[in-house]
Amino acid sequence: PFNCSFAYAASSSCSAPSVSDNAFANCAVLWTVELGNNVKTIGNGAFAYCIRLEDSGINIPASVQSIGSGAFESCEKLTSIEIPNSVTTIKTWAFGNTGLTSVYIPDSVPELKDYVLTLPDFPEPGIMFRDITTVMKDADGLKLAIDTMQDLVKDLDI
C-alpha cells in the first residue's frame, strides 16, 4: 500500500496493470492519482476513504475493465466520475458513501436484471412475473448472480 502517513498533500501515478486491493486506502491526503493506460483492474478498497480525492483528481482510463468492491468508498469529494465503456464489472459499494450526485454506467456493465425473463400480465393483468431460471441457464448470468451474492455477504460473520 501507498504510505502517505506523513505527507501533507499527495499525488501519485500508477502504471501497473492493476491497482491492488487497498493500495491507497485511508490516504486522507491523496488528492490526485494518475492511472496509466495499461491499468485493467481497480482493486477492492483501492481508494477507500481517500477523503480529499476529488473529481479532477481521478480519471479512469479506457483500459480499465473491472472496479472492485468499495474501490472509491467514502471518497466524499468525489461528485462525478466518468466510467469508460471498457468497464464490464463494477462490484458492490464501489462508489458507496461518496459525494456522487449522478453516475453513468455504460452498457458494457451487465446487470442481473438483463438475465431475468420478464413476463408482463402473468398470471393476470398488472402482474410482472420474473422468471430467474434464465439466470441459472446462462453461465455468465449465474456467475454474476453468485458474485453479487458473495459481495453482499462477504463482511458477515457466517
Protein backbone atom coordinates (compact mmCIF):
# COMPACT_ATOMS: atom_id res chain seq x y z
CA PRO A 1 0.00 0.00 0.00
CA PHE A 2 0.95 3.61 -0.61
CA ASN A 3 2.33 5.14 2.59
CA CYS A 4 1.11 8.68 2.96
CA SER A 5 1.14 8.92 6.77
CA PHE A 6 3.50 11.86 6.93
CA ALA A 7 2.56 13.66 3.74
CA TYR A 8 0.74 16.99 3.76
CA ALA A 9 -0.67 16.52 0.28
CA ALA A 10 0.00 13.69 -2.08
CA SER A 11 -0.42 12.76 -5.67
CA SER A 12 0.63 9.52 -7.24
CA SER A 13 0.73 7.70 -10.53
CA CYS A 14 0.11 4.04 -11.21
CA SER A 15 1.35 2.28 -14.32
CA ALA A 16 0.97 -1.30 -13.08
CA PRO A 17 -1.69 -3.47 -14.78
CA SER A 18 -3.81 -3.26 -11.64
CA VAL A 19 -4.30 -1.07 -8.61
CA SER A 20 -4.14 -3.65 -5.82
CA ASP A 21 -6.70 -4.08 -3.07
CA ASN A 22 -6.47 -1.25 -0.52
CA ALA A 23 -3.46 0.24 -2.37
CA PHE A 24 -4.28 3.83 -1.40
CA ALA A 25 -6.93 3.14 1.26
CA ASN A 26 -7.20 5.62 4.11
CA CYS A 27 -4.79 8.05 2.47
CA ALA A 28 -6.54 11.18 3.68
CA VAL A 29 -4.07 13.49 1.92
CA LEU A 30 -4.30 11.93 -1.56
CA TRP A 31 -5.98 14.46 -3.84
CA THR A 32 -4.94 13.22 -7.26
CA VAL A 33 -3.82 10.00 -8.89
CA GLU A 34 -2.95 9.29 -12.49
CA LEU A 35 -3.78 5.82 -13.73
CA GLY A 36 -1.74 4.57 -16.67
CA ASN A 37 -3.36 3.39 -19.89
CA ASN A 38 -2.45 -0.22 -19.12
CA VAL A 39 -4.41 -0.43 -15.82
CA LYS A 40 -7.10 -3.09 -16.25
CA THR A 41 -8.30 -3.56 -12.66
CA ILE A 42 -9.01 -1.23 -9.76
CA GLY A 43 -8.97 -3.50 -6.70
CA ASN A 44 -11.28 -3.75 -3.71
CA GLY A 45 -10.97 -0.68 -1.49
CA ALA A 46 -8.17 0.69 -3.68
CA PHE A 47 -9.03 4.34 -2.92
CA ALA A 48 -11.41 3.82 0.02
CA TYR A 49 -11.50 6.71 2.49
CA CYS A 50 -9.32 8.98 0.37
CA ILE A 51 -11.39 11.89 1.60
CA ARG A 52 -9.54 14.55 -0.44
CA LEU A 53 -9.68 12.69 -3.76
CA GLU A 54 -11.85 14.84 -5.99
CA ASP A 55 -13.36 14.82 -9.47
CA SER A 56 -10.39 16.43 -11.15
CA GLY A 57 -8.04 14.07 -9.28
CA ILE A 58 -9.04 10.78 -10.89
CA ASN A 59 -9.50 9.70 -14.46
CA ILE A 60 -10.42 6.09 -15.16
CA PRO A 61 -8.63 5.17 -18.40
CA ALA A 62 -10.28 3.24 -21.22
CA SER A 63 -8.10 0.21 -20.38
CA VAL A 64 -9.94 -0.46 -17.07
CA GLN A 65 -12.26 -3.47 -17.18
CA SER A 66 -13.10 -4.01 -13.51
CA ILE A 67 -13.77 -1.80 -10.47
CA GLY A 68 -13.65 -3.68 -7.16
CA SER A 69 -15.90 -3.60 -4.10
CA GLY A 70 -15.60 -0.35 -2.18
CA ALA A 71 -12.93 0.90 -4.58
CA PHE A 72 -13.89 4.55 -4.00
CA GLU A 73 -15.89 4.10 -0.79
CA SER A 74 -16.19 7.25 1.32
CA CYS A 75 -14.34 9.49 -1.14
CA GLU A 76 -16.60 12.33 -0.07
CA LYS A 77 -15.29 14.95 -2.51
CA LEU A 78 -15.90 12.70 -5.49
CA THR A 79 -19.08 14.15 -7.01
CA SER A 80 -18.84 12.92 -10.59
CA ILE A 81 -16.89 10.29 -12.43
CA GLU A 82 -16.80 9.04 -15.96
CA ILE A 83 -16.79 5.27 -16.34
CA PRO A 84 -15.42 4.19 -19.72
CA ASN A 85 -17.17 1.66 -21.95
CA SER A 86 -14.28 -0.78 -21.37
CA VAL A 87 -15.58 -1.46 -17.83
CA THR A 88 -17.54 -4.71 -17.65
CA THR A 89 -17.62 -5.21 -13.87
CA ILE A 90 -18.46 -2.82 -11.05
CA LYS A 91 -18.60 -4.59 -7.70
CA THR A 92 -20.85 -3.77 -4.75
CA TRP A 93 -20.38 -0.46 -2.97
CA ALA A 94 -17.64 0.60 -5.42
CA PHE A 95 -18.85 4.20 -5.09
CA GLY A 96 -20.63 3.86 -1.73
CA ASN A 97 -20.81 6.85 0.58
CA THR A 98 -19.21 9.22 -1.91
CA GLY A 99 -20.38 12.67 -2.91
CA LEU A 100 -21.58 11.36 -6.29
CA THR A 101 -24.74 13.05 -7.41
CA SER A 102 -25.03 11.00 -10.59
CA VAL A 103 -23.06 8.35 -12.40
CA TYR A 104 -23.41 6.90 -15.86
CA ILE A 105 -22.95 3.14 -16.02
CA PRO A 106 -22.11 2.09 -19.56
CA ASP A 107 -24.00 -0.68 -21.33
CA SER A 108 -20.82 -2.76 -21.17
CA VAL A 109 -21.60 -3.49 -17.48
CA PRO A 110 -24.14 -6.30 -17.36
CA GLU A 111 -26.86 -6.18 -14.75
CA LEU A 112 -28.51 -9.19 -13.22
CA LYS A 113 -31.89 -7.98 -14.49
CA ASP A 114 -30.55 -8.41 -18.05
CA TYR A 115 -30.65 -12.19 -17.49
CA VAL A 116 -34.13 -12.35 -15.93
CA LEU A 117 -37.09 -13.18 -18.15
CA THR A 118 -39.99 -10.81 -17.50
CA LEU A 119 -43.49 -11.89 -18.45
CA PRO A 120 -45.91 -8.96 -18.32
CA ASP A 121 -49.51 -9.57 -17.25
CA PHE A 122 -48.81 -13.09 -15.99
CA PRO A 123 -50.61 -14.81 -14.35
CA GLU A 124 -53.06 -11.91 -14.56
CA PRO A 125 -53.12 -8.32 -15.85
CA GLY A 126 -50.93 -5.93 -13.89
CA ILE A 127 -48.53 -8.61 -12.63
CA MET A 128 -44.92 -8.66 -13.87
CA PHE A 129 -43.69 -12.24 -13.42
CA ARG A 130 -39.89 -12.50 -13.10
CA ASP A 131 -38.51 -15.90 -14.12
CA ILE A 132 -34.99 -16.44 -12.74
CA THR A 133 -34.47 -19.85 -14.33
CA THR A 134 -32.97 -17.97 -17.28
CA VAL A 135 -30.25 -16.69 -14.91
CA MET A 136 -29.35 -20.23 -13.93
CA LYS A 137 -29.28 -21.45 -17.53
CA ASP A 138 -26.77 -18.81 -18.63
CA ALA A 139 -23.17 -19.26 -17.41
CA ASP A 140 -22.47 -15.51 -17.37
CA GLY A 141 -25.77 -14.75 -15.65
CA LEU A 142 -25.19 -17.40 -13.00
CA LYS A 143 -21.65 -16.15 -12.35
CA LEU A 144 -22.95 -12.60 -11.99
CA ALA A 145 -25.65 -13.77 -9.55
CA ILE A 146 -23.14 -15.71 -7.44
CA ASP A 147 -20.62 -12.85 -7.46
CA THR A 148 -23.35 -10.40 -6.43
CA MET A 149 -24.48 -12.61 -3.57
CA GLN A 150 -20.88 -13.14 -2.41
CA ASP A 151 -20.30 -9.38 -2.37
CA LEU A 152 -23.42 -8.87 -0.28
CA VAL A 153 -22.33 -11.30 2.46
CA LYS A 154 -18.53 -11.03 2.34
CA ASP A 155 -18.31 -8.98 5.55
CA LEU A 156 -20.79 -11.05 7.53
CA ASP A 157 -19.51 -13.44 10.20
CA ILE A 158 -21.13 -16.61 8.88
